[in-house]
């Protein structure tokens, strides 16, 4: 028997673990663009949804904080004077502001 086949027969769980890790590496490589965009999506969602909840729907602050709560940790800064929200999550920052009664809230472009 070959040495590769002997390794698989002697260590079936290690072989299975190596196979699973290789499959995960291939999947991560195929979805690398989507995985890179994920941190920005978290902060943008938090900022936009909180702004809409707070200033468009006029809900109380405690309700809106619960509404946008994620399993991923994020922080939120609410400037009620300017009706602007800044959200940080997974190292990315996004901000949204209330544009007016007919426009609602809008994500602001990120500053480089």
Protein backbone atom coordinates (compact mmCIF):
# COMPACT_ATOMS: atom_id res chain seq x y z
CA UNK A 1 0.00 0.00 0.00
CA UNK A 2 1.10 3.52 -0.58
CA UNK A 3 2.11 5.75 2.31
CA UNK A 4 -0.77 8.16 1.57
CA UNK A 5 -3.35 5.41 1.89
CA UNK A 6 -1.72 4.21 5.10
CA UNK A 7 -1.98 7.73 6.57
CA UNK A 8 -5.70 7.83 5.78
CA UNK A 9 -6.28 4.40 7.29
CA UNK A 10 -4.22 5.12 10.41
CA UNK A 11 -5.67 8.60 11.03
CA UNK A 12 -9.23 8.82 9.64
CA UNK A 13 -10.30 11.79 11.80
CA UNK A 14 -7.18 13.81 10.97
CA UNK A 15 -7.69 13.03 7.29
CA UNK A 16 -11.31 14.14 7.45
CA UNK A 17 -10.31 17.34 9.25
CA UNK A 18 -7.71 18.11 6.57
CA UNK A 19 -10.29 17.50 3.85
CA UNK A 20 -12.79 19.84 5.54
CA UNK A 21 -10.13 22.54 5.95
CA UNK A 22 -9.20 22.27 2.28
CA UNK A 23 -12.87 22.58 1.27
CA UNK A 24 -13.28 25.66 3.48
CA UNK A 25 -10.17 27.23 1.97
CA UNK A 26 -11.56 26.69 -1.54
CA UNK A 27 -14.93 28.22 -0.55
CA UNK A 28 -13.26 31.20 1.09
CA UNK A 29 -11.22 31.80 -2.06
CA UNK A 30 -14.32 31.64 -4.27
CA UNK A 31 -16.28 34.08 -2.07
CA UNK A 32 -13.37 36.38 -1.19
CA UNK A 33 -14.99 39.51 -2.67
CA UNK A 34 -18.19 38.98 -0.70
CA UNK A 35 -16.24 38.25 2.48
CA UNK A 36 -14.28 41.50 2.08
CA UNK A 37 -17.53 43.51 1.76
CA UNK A 38 -19.12 42.00 4.88
CA UNK A 39 -17.64 44.39 7.51
CA UNK A 40 -18.91 47.44 5.60
CA UNK A 41 -22.38 45.94 5.31
CA UNK A 42 -22.65 45.57 9.09
CA UNK A 43 -21.85 49.21 9.89
CA UNK A 44 -23.92 50.55 6.96
CA UNK A 45 -26.97 48.51 7.97
CA UNK A 46 -26.70 49.66 11.57
CA UNK A 47 -26.38 53.34 10.66
CA UNK A 48 -29.15 53.37 8.06
CA UNK A 49 -31.68 51.31 9.98
CA UNK A 50 -31.11 53.19 13.23
CA UNK A 51 -31.49 56.54 11.44
CA UNK A 52 -34.72 55.37 9.78
CA UNK A 53 -36.09 53.98 13.02
CA UNK A 54 -35.22 57.06 15.04
CA UNK A 55 -35.91 59.98 12.69
CA UNK A 56 -38.33 58.67 10.05
CA UNK A 57 -40.51 56.50 12.28
CA UNK A 58 -39.91 58.69 15.40
CA UNK A 59 -39.39 55.72 17.71
CA UNK A 60 -37.65 56.11 21.09
CA UNK A 61 -33.89 55.60 21.34
CA UNK A 62 -34.09 52.42 23.44
CA UNK A 63 -36.43 50.75 20.94
CA UNK A 64 -34.19 51.61 17.97
CA UNK A 65 -31.08 50.33 19.74
CA UNK A 66 -32.82 46.99 20.22
CA UNK A 67 -34.07 47.06 16.63
CA UNK A 68 -30.57 47.30 15.12
CA UNK A 69 -28.81 45.03 17.63
CA UNK A 70 -26.53 42.50 15.92
CA UNK A 71 -24.63 39.45 17.07
CA UNK A 72 -21.56 41.22 15.71
CA UNK A 73 -20.37 43.93 18.11
CA UNK A 74 -20.87 47.50 16.92
CA UNK A 75 -21.00 50.97 18.42
CA UNK A 76 -23.42 53.73 17.60
CA UNK A 77 -23.14 57.52 17.99
CA UNK A 78 -26.39 59.45 17.64
CA UNK A 79 -26.20 63.22 17.06
CA UNK A 80 -29.84 64.19 17.54
CA UNK A 81 -29.11 67.88 16.91
CA UNK A 82 -27.98 67.26 13.34
CA UNK A 83 -30.02 64.03 13.01
CA UNK A 84 -26.90 62.12 12.05
CA UNK A 85 -25.86 58.61 13.05
CA UNK A 86 -22.33 57.14 12.99
CA UNK A 87 -21.92 53.38 13.35
CA UNK A 88 -18.71 51.38 13.84
CA UNK A 89 -18.61 47.65 13.30
CA UNK A 90 -15.81 45.20 12.47
CA UNK A 91 -13.35 48.05 11.97
CA UNK A 92 -15.46 49.97 9.44
CA UNK A 93 -17.36 53.23 9.96
CA UNK A 94 -20.55 54.30 8.19
CA UNK A 95 -22.75 57.31 8.75
CA UNK A 96 -26.32 58.18 7.81
CA UNK A 97 -28.25 61.41 8.14
CA UNK A 98 -31.85 62.46 7.92
CA UNK A 99 -32.36 64.32 4.63
CA UNK A 100 -35.90 65.53 5.09
CA UNK A 101 -39.45 64.40 5.46
CA UNK A 102 -39.84 63.17 1.88
CA UNK A 103 -36.31 61.76 1.46
CA UNK A 104 -35.89 60.02 4.80
CA UNK A 105 -32.42 58.83 5.83
CA UNK A 106 -29.49 58.34 3.54
CA UNK A 107 -26.07 56.74 3.91
CA UNK A 108 -23.33 59.32 3.56
CA UNK A 109 -20.26 58.61 1.43
CA UNK A 110 -17.28 57.40 3.42
CA UNK A 111 -14.41 59.81 3.87
CA UNK A 112 -11.03 58.43 2.77
